[in-house]
Amino acid sequence: MTISTKPRTTKKAQLTKLLGAKAGADIATLSDKLGWQHHTTRAAMSDLCKDGFTIIGTKPSDGGLAKYRIHSEPAATSEVSNGA
């Protein structure tokens, strides 16, 4: 008997999807949806930046929470041939 399992979505993929929304999301919302503490969410966003993502934050003029979203993703890496 074979048990099929669906592929697991990583937290990084979930974060990327949430930050990819046009409206973006604030730290509290991201933390709540991912089950993380705020500092963990900020650290994961920092890791995305290290991976080549550009994340921009906007603070509303009414003094609400800053919203963050992905502005650009890393450039696709070209495959290097072995030249064998």
N, C-alpha and C. Protein backbone atom coordinates (compact mmCIF):
# COMPACT_ATOMS: atom_id res chain seq x y z
N MET A 1 0.83 -1.17 0.00
CA MET A 1 0.00 0.00 0.00
C MET A 1 0.89 1.25 0.00
N THR A 2 0.57 2.20 -0.87
CA THR A 2 1.33 3.43 -0.97
C THR A 2 0.54 4.58 -0.35
N ILE A 3 1.21 5.32 0.49
CA ILE A 3 0.58 6.48 1.11
C ILE A 3 1.08 7.71 0.37
N SER A 4 0.14 8.45 -0.20
CA SER A 4 0.57 9.66 -0.91
C SER A 4 0.51 10.84 0.06
N THR A 5 1.51 11.64 -0.01
CA THR A 5 1.54 12.85 0.80
C THR A 5 1.72 14.04 -0.13
N LYS A 6 1.05 15.11 0.20
CA LYS A 6 1.22 16.30 -0.63
C LYS A 6 2.48 17.04 -0.18
N PRO A 7 3.11 17.74 -1.10
CA PRO A 7 4.33 18.45 -0.74
C PRO A 7 4.06 19.49 0.35
N ARG A 8 4.99 19.61 1.25
CA ARG A 8 4.85 20.55 2.35
C ARG A 8 5.30 21.94 1.90
N THR A 9 4.53 22.93 2.26
CA THR A 9 4.89 24.31 1.96
C THR A 9 5.77 24.83 3.09
N THR A 10 6.93 25.34 2.75
CA THR A 10 7.84 25.84 3.77
C THR A 10 7.37 27.19 4.30
N LYS A 11 7.86 27.54 5.47
CA LYS A 11 7.53 28.84 6.07
C LYS A 11 8.08 29.97 5.19
N LYS A 12 9.25 29.74 4.60
CA LYS A 12 9.84 30.76 3.73
C LYS A 12 8.93 30.99 2.52
N ALA A 13 8.39 29.92 1.96
CA ALA A 13 7.48 30.05 0.82
C ALA A 13 6.20 30.76 1.24
N GLN A 14 5.71 30.45 2.43
CA GLN A 14 4.52 31.12 2.94
C GLN A 14 4.77 32.61 3.13
N LEU A 15 5.93 32.96 3.70
CA LEU A 15 6.29 34.36 3.91
C LEU A 15 6.41 35.08 2.58
N THR A 16 7.06 34.44 1.61
CA THR A 16 7.21 35.04 0.28
C THR A 16 5.85 35.30 -0.35
N LYS A 17 4.94 34.36 -0.19
CA LYS A 17 3.60 34.53 -0.75
C LYS A 17 2.87 35.69 -0.08
N LEU A 18 2.95 35.78 1.25
CA LEU A 18 2.27 36.86 1.97
C LEU A 18 2.85 38.22 1.60
N LEU A 19 4.18 38.29 1.48
CA LEU A 19 4.82 39.55 1.12
C LEU A 19 4.64 39.87 -0.36
N GLY A 20 4.28 38.89 -1.15
CA GLY A 20 4.07 39.10 -2.58
C GLY A 20 2.73 39.72 -2.91
N ALA A 21 1.83 39.78 -1.94
CA ALA A 21 0.53 40.40 -2.17
C ALA A 21 0.71 41.89 -2.46
N LYS A 22 -0.10 42.41 -3.36
CA LYS A 22 0.04 43.81 -3.77
C LYS A 22 -0.08 44.77 -2.59
N ALA A 23 -0.97 44.47 -1.66
CA ALA A 23 -1.17 45.34 -0.50
C ALA A 23 -0.08 45.15 0.55
N GLY A 24 0.64 44.04 0.48
CA GLY A 24 1.67 43.75 1.48
C GLY A 24 1.03 43.32 2.79
N ALA A 25 1.83 43.30 3.86
CA ALA A 25 1.33 42.90 5.17
C ALA A 25 2.21 43.51 6.25
N ASP A 26 1.62 43.71 7.42
CA ASP A 26 2.40 44.26 8.54
C ASP A 26 3.00 43.10 9.34
N ILE A 27 3.94 43.43 10.20
CA ILE A 27 4.66 42.42 10.98
C ILE A 27 3.70 41.60 11.84
N ALA A 28 2.72 42.26 12.47
CA ALA A 28 1.78 41.55 13.34
C ALA A 28 0.98 40.51 12.55
N THR A 29 0.52 40.87 11.37
CA THR A 29 -0.26 39.95 10.54
C THR A 29 0.61 38.78 10.07
N LEU A 30 1.82 39.09 9.61
CA LEU A 30 2.73 38.04 9.16
C LEU A 30 3.03 37.07 10.30
N SER A 31 3.34 37.61 11.48
CA SER A 31 3.67 36.78 12.63
C SER A 31 2.50 35.89 13.02
N ASP A 32 1.30 36.46 12.98
CA ASP A 32 0.11 35.69 13.34
C ASP A 32 -0.14 34.54 12.36
N LYS A 33 -0.03 34.84 11.08
CA LYS A 33 -0.30 33.81 10.06
C LYS A 33 0.76 32.71 10.05
N LEU A 34 2.00 33.06 10.42
CA LEU A 34 3.08 32.08 10.40
C LEU A 34 3.30 31.41 11.76
N GLY A 35 2.68 31.96 12.79
CA GLY A 35 2.87 31.40 14.12
C GLY A 35 4.22 31.73 14.71
N TRP A 36 4.77 32.86 14.32
CA TRP A 36 6.09 33.28 14.79
C TRP A 36 5.97 34.50 15.70
N GLN A 37 7.04 34.75 16.46
CA GLN A 37 7.14 35.99 17.21
C GLN A 37 7.61 37.07 16.24
N HIS A 38 7.40 38.33 16.62
CA HIS A 38 7.72 39.44 15.72
C HIS A 38 9.19 39.47 15.33
N HIS A 39 10.08 39.22 16.28
CA HIS A 39 11.52 39.28 15.96
C HIS A 39 11.91 38.16 14.99
N THR A 40 11.23 37.02 15.06
CA THR A 40 11.51 35.93 14.14
C THR A 40 11.06 36.29 12.73
N THR A 41 9.93 36.96 12.63
CA THR A 41 9.42 37.41 11.33
C THR A 41 10.38 38.41 10.70
N ARG A 42 10.85 39.37 11.50
CA ARG A 42 11.79 40.36 10.97
C ARG A 42 13.09 39.70 10.52
N ALA A 43 13.56 38.70 11.27
CA ALA A 43 14.79 37.99 10.90
C ALA A 43 14.59 37.23 9.59
N ALA A 44 13.43 36.61 9.41
CA ALA A 44 13.16 35.88 8.18
C ALA A 44 13.08 36.84 6.99
N MET A 45 12.54 38.03 7.22
CA MET A 45 12.51 39.03 6.15
C MET A 45 13.93 39.48 5.79
N SER A 46 14.77 39.59 6.80
CA SER A 46 16.17 39.93 6.57
C SER A 46 16.86 38.85 5.75
N ASP A 47 16.55 37.59 6.04
CA ASP A 47 17.12 36.47 5.27
C ASP A 47 16.68 36.52 3.82
N LEU A 48 15.41 36.91 3.58
CA LEU A 48 14.94 37.05 2.20
C LEU A 48 15.76 38.11 1.47
N CYS A 49 16.06 39.21 2.17
CA CYS A 49 16.88 40.26 1.55
C CYS A 49 18.27 39.73 1.22
N LYS A 50 18.83 38.92 2.11
CA LYS A 50 20.15 38.32 1.86
C LYS A 50 20.10 37.38 0.66
N ASP A 51 18.93 36.78 0.43
CA ASP A 51 18.75 35.87 -0.70
C ASP A 51 18.50 36.61 -2.01
N GLY A 52 18.43 37.95 -1.96
CA GLY A 52 18.28 38.73 -3.18
C GLY A 52 16.93 39.39 -3.39
N PHE A 53 15.99 39.19 -2.48
CA PHE A 53 14.70 39.85 -2.59
C PHE A 53 14.85 41.31 -2.15
N THR A 54 14.08 42.19 -2.77
CA THR A 54 14.01 43.58 -2.32
C THR A 54 12.65 43.76 -1.67
N ILE A 55 12.66 44.07 -0.38
CA ILE A 55 11.43 44.27 0.37
C ILE A 55 11.33 45.74 0.74
N ILE A 56 10.18 46.34 0.42
CA ILE A 56 9.98 47.74 0.76
C ILE A 56 8.89 47.85 1.82
N GLY A 57 9.03 48.82 2.66
CA GLY A 57 8.04 49.07 3.71
C GLY A 57 7.45 50.45 3.53
N THR A 58 6.16 50.55 3.77
CA THR A 58 5.49 51.85 3.70
C THR A 58 4.70 52.05 4.98
N LYS A 59 4.82 53.25 5.53
CA LYS A 59 4.09 53.58 6.75
C LYS A 59 2.96 54.53 6.37
N PRO A 60 1.73 54.18 6.72
CA PRO A 60 0.61 55.05 6.36
C PRO A 60 0.69 56.39 7.08
N SER A 61 0.16 57.42 6.44
CA SER A 61 0.21 58.77 7.01
C SER A 61 -0.65 58.89 8.26
N ASP A 62 -1.61 57.98 8.45
CA ASP A 62 -2.47 58.05 9.63
C ASP A 62 -1.83 57.42 10.87
N GLY A 63 -0.58 57.00 10.74
CA GLY A 63 0.15 56.46 11.88
C GLY A 63 -0.08 54.98 12.14
N GLY A 64 -0.68 54.27 11.20
CA GLY A 64 -0.91 52.83 11.37
C GLY A 64 0.39 52.04 11.26
N LEU A 65 0.25 50.74 11.26
CA LEU A 65 1.42 49.87 11.17
C LEU A 65 2.02 49.89 9.76
N ALA A 66 3.34 49.82 9.70
CA ALA A 66 4.03 49.77 8.41
C ALA A 66 3.69 48.46 7.71
N LYS A 67 3.52 48.52 6.41
CA LYS A 67 3.25 47.33 5.60
C LYS A 67 4.46 47.07 4.73
N TYR A 68 4.79 45.81 4.60
CA TYR A 68 5.95 45.38 3.83
C TYR A 68 5.49 44.53 2.67
N ARG A 69 6.21 44.64 1.56
CA ARG A 69 5.92 43.79 0.40
C ARG A 69 7.19 43.59 -0.41
N ILE A 70 7.18 42.54 -1.21
CA ILE A 70 8.32 42.26 -2.07
C ILE A 70 8.22 43.17 -3.28
N HIS A 71 9.29 43.94 -3.50
CA HIS A 71 9.35 44.84 -4.65
C HIS A 71 9.96 44.14 -5.84
N SER A 72 10.99 43.34 -5.58
CA SER A 72 11.61 42.57 -6.67
C SER A 72 12.20 41.29 -6.10
N GLU A 73 12.23 40.28 -6.96
CA GLU A 73 12.78 38.99 -6.58
C GLU A 73 14.19 38.85 -7.13
N PRO A 74 14.97 37.91 -6.60
CA PRO A 74 16.33 37.75 -7.09
C PRO A 74 16.34 37.33 -8.57
N ALA A 75 17.36 37.78 -9.26
CA ALA A 75 17.51 37.39 -10.67
C ALA A 75 17.75 35.89 -10.74
N ALA A 76 17.18 35.26 -11.76
CA ALA A 76 17.38 33.83 -11.92
C ALA A 76 18.86 33.55 -12.16
N THR A 77 19.36 32.52 -11.49
CA THR A 77 20.75 32.17 -11.68
C THR A 77 20.88 31.30 -12.92
N SER A 78 21.86 31.59 -13.73
CA SER A 78 22.05 30.80 -14.95
C SER A 78 22.80 29.52 -14.59
N GLU A 79 22.44 28.47 -15.29
CA GLU A 79 23.11 27.19 -15.04
C GLU A 79 24.50 27.21 -15.64
N VAL A 80 25.43 26.69 -14.90
CA VAL A 80 26.81 26.63 -15.35
C VAL A 80 27.08 25.22 -15.83
N SER A 81 27.56 25.11 -17.06
CA SER A 81 27.85 23.78 -17.58
C SER A 81 29.19 23.30 -17.06
N ASN A 82 29.32 22.01 -16.95
CA ASN A 82 30.56 21.42 -16.44
C ASN A 82 31.69 21.49 -17.46
N GLY A 83 31.34 21.64 -18.73
CA GLY A 83 32.37 21.74 -19.76
C GLY A 83 33.19 20.47 -19.89
N ALA A 84 32.61 19.34 -19.55
CA ALA A 84 33.37 18.10 -19.55
C ALA A 84 33.62 17.56 -20.92
